[in-house]
Every structure is written in C-alpha cells, then in structure tokens.
Amino acid sequence: MALSYKARKRWALVALLIGMPIYIGIAWGVLSRLALWQLPVLVEFAIYVVAGVGWVFPLKPIFMGVGQPDPDE
C-alpha cells in the first residue's frame, strides 16, 4: 500500500526531526568504540561515508517527491 503525499511528508518530517538525531547518536556511539585510528585513512574515510549516507537508502521511498507540489491537487 502506497503512502499518500501528506503521509510521506509527515513521515519525512518525523524521520528528520526524531530519527536523524537518534541515528547520529547511535552511529557516534558505535564508531567511537571502534579502533578506527589503527586502520588506513582511506578505509576509515569509507566507513564514515557509509555511516553518513547509509541511513538514506531505507528511507528513500518516504522522501521521494516530498519537495514537489501535491500531485492530487
């Protein structure tokens, strides 16, 4: 079942205002406990890039078209 435009807009707002700070806290806690300074710089950079961008892919359907005008109007 597809979400309506208003529902996607609301869920996108919830994801950004509530989910994002929670994800940042969890990622920060996990990555701070790893010994990343012992890895090569490029590997460490790749881990941070994956952690920083990885949250987008599961939420992509929610954010699709939210910035566009309401298609039902």
PDB file of N, CA and C in Angstrom:
ATOM      1  N   MET A   1       0.851  -1.179   0.000  1.00  0.00           N
ATOM      2  CA  MET A   1       0.000   0.000   0.000  1.00  0.00           C
ATOM      3  C   MET A   1       0.893   1.238   0.000  1.00  0.00           C
ATOM      4  N   ALA A   2       0.684   2.088  -0.954  1.00  0.00           N
ATOM      5  CA  ALA A   2       1.493   3.299  -1.093  1.00  0.00           C
ATOM      6  C   ALA A   2       1.006   4.376  -0.132  1.00  0.00           C
ATOM      7  N   LEU A   3       1.950   5.140   0.371  1.00  0.00           N
ATOM      8  CA  LEU A   3       1.605   6.238   1.265  1.00  0.00           C
ATOM      9  C   LEU A   3       1.107   7.429   0.456  1.00  0.00           C
ATOM     10  N   SER A   4       0.178   8.154   1.034  1.00  0.00           N
ATOM     11  CA  SER A   4      -0.296   9.365   0.372  1.00  0.00           C
ATOM     12  C   SER A   4       0.785  10.445   0.484  1.00  0.00           C
ATOM     13  N   TYR A   5       0.593  11.497  -0.261  1.00  0.00           N
ATOM     14  CA  TYR A   5       1.562  12.594  -0.256  1.00  0.00           C
ATOM     15  C   TYR A   5       1.694  13.207   1.141  1.00  0.00           C
ATOM     16  N   LYS A   6       0.537  13.428   1.805  1.00  0.00           N
ATOM     17  CA  LYS A   6       0.570  14.028   3.151  1.00  0.00           C
ATOM     18  C   LYS A   6       1.254  13.100   4.147  1.00  0.00           C
ATOM     19  N   ALA A   7       1.004  11.797   4.022  1.00  0.00           N
ATOM     20  CA  ALA A   7       1.624  10.834   4.937  1.00  0.00           C
ATOM     21  C   ALA A   7       3.140  10.787   4.727  1.00  0.00           C
ATOM     22  N   ARG A   8       3.563  10.778   3.460  1.00  0.00           N
ATOM     23  CA  ARG A   8       5.012  10.789   3.188  1.00  0.00           C
ATOM     24  C   ARG A   8       5.659  12.049   3.726  1.00  0.00           C
ATOM     25  N   LYS A   9       4.969  13.175   3.593  1.00  0.00           N
ATOM     26  CA  LYS A   9       5.510  14.436   4.093  1.00  0.00           C
ATOM     27  C   LYS A   9       5.660  14.403   5.615  1.00  0.00           C
ATOM     28  N   ARG A  10       4.658  13.873   6.281  1.00  0.00           N
ATOM     29  CA  ARG A  10       4.728  13.771   7.753  1.00  0.00           C
ATOM     30  C   ARG A  10       5.815  12.807   8.197  1.00  0.00           C
ATOM     31  N   TRP A  11       5.893  11.634   7.540  1.00  0.00           N
ATOM     32  CA  TRP A  11       6.908  10.662   7.924  1.00  0.00           C
ATOM     33  C   TRP A  11       8.314  11.183   7.628  1.00  0.00           C
ATOM     34  N   ALA A  12       8.470  11.945   6.571  1.00  0.00           N
ATOM     35  CA  ALA A  12       9.770  12.544   6.278  1.00  0.00           C
ATOM     36  C   ALA A  12      10.166  13.524   7.382  1.00  0.00           C
ATOM     37  N   LEU A  13       9.205  14.289   7.863  1.00  0.00           N
ATOM     38  CA  LEU A  13       9.479  15.222   8.953  1.00  0.00           C
ATOM     39  C   LEU A  13       9.848  14.480  10.235  1.00  0.00           C
ATOM     40  N   VAL A  14       9.128  13.412  10.537  1.00  0.00           N
ATOM     41  CA  VAL A  14       9.444  12.597  11.722  1.00  0.00           C
ATOM     42  C   VAL A  14      10.837  11.990  11.595  1.00  0.00           C
ATOM     43  N   ALA A  15      11.151  11.483  10.405  1.00  0.00           N
ATOM     44  CA  ALA A  15      12.467  10.872  10.190  1.00  0.00           C
ATOM     45  C   ALA A  15      13.589  11.882  10.384  1.00  0.00           C
ATOM     46  N   LEU A  16      13.382  13.108   9.925  1.00  0.00           N
ATOM     47  CA  LEU A  16      14.439  14.117  10.034  1.00  0.00           C
ATOM     48  C   LEU A  16      14.542  14.705  11.440  1.00  0.00           C
ATOM     49  N   LEU A  17      13.422  14.932  12.101  1.00  0.00           N
ATOM     50  CA  LEU A  17      13.453  15.594  13.408  1.00  0.00           C
ATOM     51  C   LEU A  17      13.666  14.639  14.576  1.00  0.00           C
ATOM     52  N   ILE A  18      13.236  13.394  14.447  1.00  0.00           N
ATOM     53  CA  ILE A  18      13.364  12.440  15.551  1.00  0.00           C
ATOM     54  C   ILE A  18      14.362  11.335  15.210  1.00  0.00           C
ATOM     55  N   GLY A  19      14.191  10.741  14.037  1.00  0.00           N
ATOM     56  CA  GLY A  19      15.030   9.608  13.660  1.00  0.00           C
ATOM     57  C   GLY A  19      16.478   9.967  13.406  1.00  0.00           C
ATOM     58  N   MET A  20      16.709  11.103  12.786  1.00  0.00           N
ATOM     59  CA  MET A  20      18.081  11.501  12.454  1.00  0.00           C
ATOM     60  C   MET A  20      18.934  11.734  13.703  1.00  0.00           C
ATOM     61  N   PRO A  21      18.465  12.490  14.709  1.00  0.00           N
ATOM     62  CA  PRO A  21      19.292  12.630  15.917  1.00  0.00           C
ATOM     63  C   PRO A  21      19.551  11.295  16.634  1.00  0.00           C
ATOM     64  N   ILE A  22      18.564  10.403  16.611  1.00  0.00           N
ATOM     65  CA  ILE A  22      18.765   9.088  17.224  1.00  0.00           C
ATOM     66  C   ILE A  22      19.828   8.307  16.454  1.00  0.00           C
ATOM     67  N   TYR A  23      19.739   8.331  15.118  1.00  0.00           N
ATOM     68  CA  TYR A  23      20.723   7.632  14.296  1.00  0.00           C
ATOM     69  C   TYR A  23      22.122   8.218  14.501  1.00  0.00           C
ATOM     70  N   ILE A  24      22.218   9.524  14.571  1.00  0.00           N
ATOM     71  CA  ILE A  24      23.526  10.159  14.791  1.00  0.00           C
ATOM     72  C   ILE A  24      24.119   9.707  16.123  1.00  0.00           C
ATOM     73  N   GLY A  25      23.297   9.664  17.155  1.00  0.00           N
ATOM     74  CA  GLY A  25      23.774   9.221  18.464  1.00  0.00           C
ATOM     75  C   GLY A  25      24.235   7.777  18.454  1.00  0.00           C
ATOM     76  N   ILE A  26      23.475   6.914  17.798  1.00  0.00           N
ATOM     77  CA  ILE A  26      23.860   5.504  17.732  1.00  0.00           C
ATOM     78  C   ILE A  26      25.135   5.332  16.912  1.00  0.00           C
ATOM     79  N   ALA A  27      25.200   5.982  15.743  1.00  0.00           N
ATOM     80  CA  ALA A  27      26.393   5.870  14.897  1.00  0.00           C
ATOM     81  C   ALA A  27      27.620   6.433  15.604  1.00  0.00           C
ATOM     82  N   TRP A  28      27.445   7.540  16.280  1.00  0.00           N
ATOM     83  CA  TRP A  28      28.557   8.145  17.019  1.00  0.00           C
ATOM     84  C   TRP A  28      29.043   7.199  18.117  1.00  0.00           C
ATOM     85  N   GLY A  29      28.103   6.610  18.852  1.00  0.00           N
ATOM     86  CA  GLY A  29      28.476   5.686  19.919  1.00  0.00           C
ATOM     87  C   GLY A  29      29.189   4.449  19.400  1.00  0.00           C
ATOM     88  N   VAL A  30      28.691   3.885  18.317  1.00  0.00           N
ATOM     89  CA  VAL A  30      29.304   2.679  17.768  1.00  0.00           C
ATOM     90  C   VAL A  30      30.677   2.992  17.181  1.00  0.00           C
ATOM     91  N   LEU A  31      30.762   4.040  16.377  1.00  0.00           N
ATOM     92  CA  LEU A  31      32.036   4.358  15.734  1.00  0.00           C
ATOM     93  C   LEU A  31      33.090   4.845  16.722  1.00  0.00           C
ATOM     94  N   SER A  32      32.671   5.436  17.826  1.00  0.00           N
ATOM     95  CA  SER A  32      33.657   5.897  18.807  1.00  0.00           C
ATOM     96  C   SER A  32      34.272   4.736  19.588  1.00  0.00           C
ATOM     97  N   ARG A  33      33.585   3.610  19.635  1.00  0.00           N
ATOM     98  CA  ARG A  33      34.110   2.459  20.358  1.00  0.00           C
ATOM     99  C   ARG A  33      35.023   1.586  19.495  1.00  0.00           C
ATOM    100  N   LEU A  34      35.020   1.814  18.202  1.00  0.00           N
ATOM    101  CA  LEU A  34      35.903   1.071  17.305  1.00  0.00           C
ATOM    102  C   LEU A  34      37.278   1.734  17.264  1.00  0.00           C
ATOM    103  N   ALA A  35      38.282   0.940  17.029  1.00  0.00           N
ATOM    104  CA  ALA A  35      39.649   1.463  16.947  1.00  0.00           C
ATOM    105  C   ALA A  35      39.940   1.857  15.504  1.00  0.00           C
ATOM    106  N   LEU A  36      39.267   2.896  15.035  1.00  0.00           N
ATOM    107  CA  LEU A  36      39.405   3.292  13.638  1.00  0.00           C
ATOM    108  C   LEU A  36      40.738   3.956  13.342  1.00  0.00           C
ATOM    109  N   TRP A  37      41.399   4.513  14.333  1.00  0.00           N
ATOM    110  CA  TRP A  37      42.659   5.195  14.082  1.00  0.00           C
ATOM    111  C   TRP A  37      43.756   4.200  13.697  1.00  0.00           C
ATOM    112  N   GLN A  38      43.546   2.911  13.925  1.00  0.00           N
ATOM    113  CA  GLN A  38      44.533   1.903  13.552  1.00  0.00           C
ATOM    114  C   GLN A  38      44.394   1.474  12.089  1.00  0.00           C
ATOM    115  N   LEU A  39      43.304   1.855  11.451  1.00  0.00           N
ATOM    116  CA  LEU A  39      43.074   1.495  10.052  1.00  0.00           C
ATOM    117  C   LEU A  39      43.698   2.537   9.130  1.00  0.00           C
ATOM    118  N   PRO A  40      43.930   2.170   7.882  1.00  0.00           N
ATOM    119  CA  PRO A  40      44.397   3.181   6.916  1.00  0.00           C
ATOM    120  C   PRO A  40      43.347   4.291   6.765  1.00  0.00           C
ATOM    121  N   VAL A  41      43.802   5.462   6.398  1.00  0.00           N
ATOM    122  CA  VAL A  41      42.943   6.641   6.333  1.00  0.00           C
ATOM    123  C   VAL A  41      41.798   6.444   5.341  1.00  0.00           C
ATOM    124  N   LEU A  42      42.057   5.838   4.203  1.00  0.00           N
ATOM    125  CA  LEU A  42      41.012   5.643   3.201  1.00  0.00           C
ATOM    126  C   LEU A  42      39.934   4.666   3.687  1.00  0.00           C
ATOM    127  N   VAL A  43      40.321   3.663   4.426  1.00  0.00           N
ATOM    128  CA  VAL A  43      39.343   2.716   4.983  1.00  0.00           C
ATOM    129  C   VAL A  43      38.493   3.418   6.031  1.00  0.00           C
ATOM    130  N   GLU A  44      39.130   4.201   6.879  1.00  0.00           N
ATOM    131  CA  GLU A  44      38.404   4.964   7.890  1.00  0.00           C
ATOM    132  C   GLU A  44      37.434   5.943   7.221  1.00  0.00           C
ATOM    133  N   PHE A  45      37.872   6.607   6.179  1.00  0.00           N
ATOM    134  CA  PHE A  45      37.025   7.535   5.442  1.00  0.00           C
ATOM    135  C   PHE A  45      35.831   6.805   4.830  1.00  0.00           C
ATOM    136  N   ALA A  46      36.061   5.626   4.263  1.00  0.00           N
ATOM    137  CA  ALA A  46      34.972   4.842   3.668  1.00  0.00           C
ATOM    138  C   ALA A  46      33.954   4.427   4.720  1.00  0.00           C
ATOM    139  N   ILE A  47      34.395   4.077   5.908  1.00  0.00           N
ATOM    140  CA  ILE A  47      33.474   3.698   6.993  1.00  0.00           C
ATOM    141  C   ILE A  47      32.603   4.888   7.380  1.00  0.00           C
ATOM    142  N   TYR A  48      33.193   6.067   7.490  1.00  0.00           N
ATOM    143  CA  TYR A  48      32.419   7.254   7.834  1.00  0.00           C
ATOM    144  C   TYR A  48      31.440   7.642   6.726  1.00  0.00           C
ATOM    145  N   VAL A  49      31.846   7.465   5.477  1.00  0.00           N
ATOM    146  CA  VAL A  49      30.947   7.771   4.366  1.00  0.00           C
ATOM    147  C   VAL A  49      29.757   6.812   4.363  1.00  0.00           C
ATOM    148  N   VAL A  50      30.004   5.536   4.552  1.00  0.00           N
ATOM    149  CA  VAL A  50      28.918   4.553   4.604  1.00  0.00           C
ATOM    150  C   VAL A  50      27.982   4.849   5.776  1.00  0.00           C
ATOM    151  N   ALA A  51      28.535   5.184   6.919  1.00  0.00           N
ATOM    152  CA  ALA A  51      27.697   5.504   8.081  1.00  0.00           C
ATOM    153  C   ALA A  51      26.919   6.801   7.865  1.00  0.00           C
ATOM    154  N   GLY A  52      27.496   7.740   7.147  1.00  0.00           N
ATOM    155  CA  GLY A  52      26.830   9.015   6.937  1.00  0.00           C
ATOM    156  C   GLY A  52      25.768   8.988   5.861  1.00  0.00           C
ATOM    157  N   VAL A  53      25.911   8.107   4.891  1.00  0.00           N
ATOM    158  CA  VAL A  53      24.977   8.060   3.777  1.00  0.00           C
ATOM    159  C   VAL A  53      24.036   6.857   3.889  1.00  0.00           C
ATOM    160  N   GLY A  54      24.391   5.886   4.674  1.00  0.00           N
ATOM    161  CA  GLY A  54      23.628   4.647   4.751  1.00  0.00           C
ATOM    162  C   GLY A  54      22.202   4.787   5.239  1.00  0.00           C
ATOM    163  N   TRP A  55      21.895   5.807   5.999  1.00  0.00           N
ATOM    164  CA  TRP A  55      20.539   5.981   6.515  1.00  0.00           C
ATOM    165  C   TRP A  55      19.560   6.397   5.428  1.00  0.00           C
ATOM    166  N   VAL A  56      20.062   6.939   4.323  1.00  0.00           N
ATOM    167  CA  VAL A  56      19.187   7.466   3.279  1.00  0.00           C
ATOM    168  C   VAL A  56      18.472   6.353   2.522  1.00  0.00           C
ATOM    169  N   PHE A  57      19.154   5.264   2.242  1.00  0.00           N
ATOM    170  CA  PHE A  57      18.605   4.246   1.356  1.00  0.00           C
ATOM    171  C   PHE A  57      17.348   3.559   1.896  1.00  0.00           C
ATOM    172  N   PRO A  58      17.248   3.215   3.171  1.00  0.00           N
ATOM    173  CA  PRO A  58      15.982   2.636   3.639  1.00  0.00           C
ATOM    174  C   PRO A  58      14.830   3.643   3.638  1.00  0.00           C
ATOM    175  N   LEU A  59      15.140   4.928   3.749  1.00  0.00           N
ATOM    176  CA  LEU A  59      14.097   5.954   3.822  1.00  0.00           C
ATOM    177  C   LEU A  59      13.816   6.620   2.473  1.00  0.00           C
ATOM    178  N   LYS A  60      14.449   6.166   1.420  1.00  0.00           N
ATOM    179  CA  LYS A  60      14.279   6.787   0.111  1.00  0.00           C
ATOM    180  C   LYS A  60      12.827   6.836  -0.345  1.00  0.00           C
ATOM    181  N   PRO A  61      12.013   5.782  -0.171  1.00  0.00           N
ATOM    182  CA  PRO A  61      10.615   5.868  -0.614  1.00  0.00           C
ATOM    183  C   PRO A  61       9.814   6.959   0.102  1.00  0.00           C
ATOM    184  N   ILE A  62      10.176   7.263   1.328  1.00  0.00           N
ATOM    185  CA  ILE A  62       9.463   8.301   2.072  1.00  0.00           C
ATOM    186  C   ILE A  62       9.794   9.681   1.511  1.00  0.00           C
ATOM    187  N   PHE A  63      11.052   9.899   1.136  1.00  0.00           N
ATOM    188  CA  PHE A  63      11.479  11.215   0.687  1.00  0.00           C
ATOM    189  C   PHE A  63      11.209  11.480  -0.796  1.00  0.00           C
ATOM    190  N   MET A  64      10.840  10.462  -1.545  1.00  0.00           N
ATOM    191  CA  MET A  64      10.612  10.633  -2.980  1.00  0.00           C
ATOM    192  C   MET A  64       9.432  11.572  -3.229  1.00  0.00           C
ATOM    193  N   GLY A  65       9.688  12.685  -3.880  1.00  0.00           N
ATOM    194  CA  GLY A  65       8.643  13.602  -4.289  1.00  0.00           C
ATOM    195  C   GLY A  65       8.085  14.508  -3.215  1.00  0.00           C
ATOM    196  N   VAL A  66       8.672  14.514  -2.030  1.00  0.00           N
ATOM    197  CA  VAL A  66       8.139  15.348  -0.944  1.00  0.00           C
ATOM    198  C   VAL A  66       8.325  16.821  -1.255  1.00  0.00           C
ATOM    199  N   GLY A  67       9.369  17.185  -1.960  1.00  0.00           N
ATOM    200  CA  GLY A  67       9.613  18.588  -2.290  1.00  0.00           C
ATOM    201  C   GLY A  67       8.808  19.088  -3.477  1.00  0.00           C
ATOM    202  N   GLN A  68       8.096  18.203  -4.124  1.00  0.00           N
ATOM    203  CA  GLN A  68       7.282  18.567  -5.279  1.00  0.00           C
ATOM    204  C   GLN A  68       5.898  19.011  -4.836  1.00  0.00           C
ATOM    205  N   PRO A  69       5.153  19.703  -5.687  1.00  0.00           N
ATOM    206  CA  PRO A  69       3.767  20.056  -5.347  1.00  0.00           C
ATOM    207  C   PRO A  69       2.909  18.791  -5.208  1.00  0.00           C
ATOM    208  N   ASP A  70       1.852  18.897  -4.442  1.00  0.00           N
ATOM    209  CA  ASP A  70       0.945  17.771  -4.206  1.00  0.00           C
ATOM    210  C   ASP A  70       0.353  17.315  -5.536  1.00  0.00           C
ATOM    211  N   PRO A  71       0.552  16.051  -5.920  1.00  0.00           N
ATOM    212  CA  PRO A  71       0.030  15.593  -7.208  1.00  0.00           C
ATOM    213  C   PRO A  71      -1.485  15.458  -7.242  1.00  0.00           C
ATOM    214  N   ASP A  72      -2.136  15.413  -6.105  1.00  0.00           N
ATOM    215  CA  ASP A  72      -3.595  15.275  -6.059  1.00  0.00           C
ATOM    216  C   ASP A  72      -4.314  16.600  -6.274  1.00  0.00           C
ATOM    217  N   GLU A  73      -3.607  17.697  -6.158  1.00  0.00           N
ATOM    218  CA  GLU A  73      -4.260  18.997  -6.311  1.00  0.00           C
ATOM    219  C   GLU A  73      -4.239  19.460  -7.736  1.00  0.00           C
TER     220      GLU A  73
END
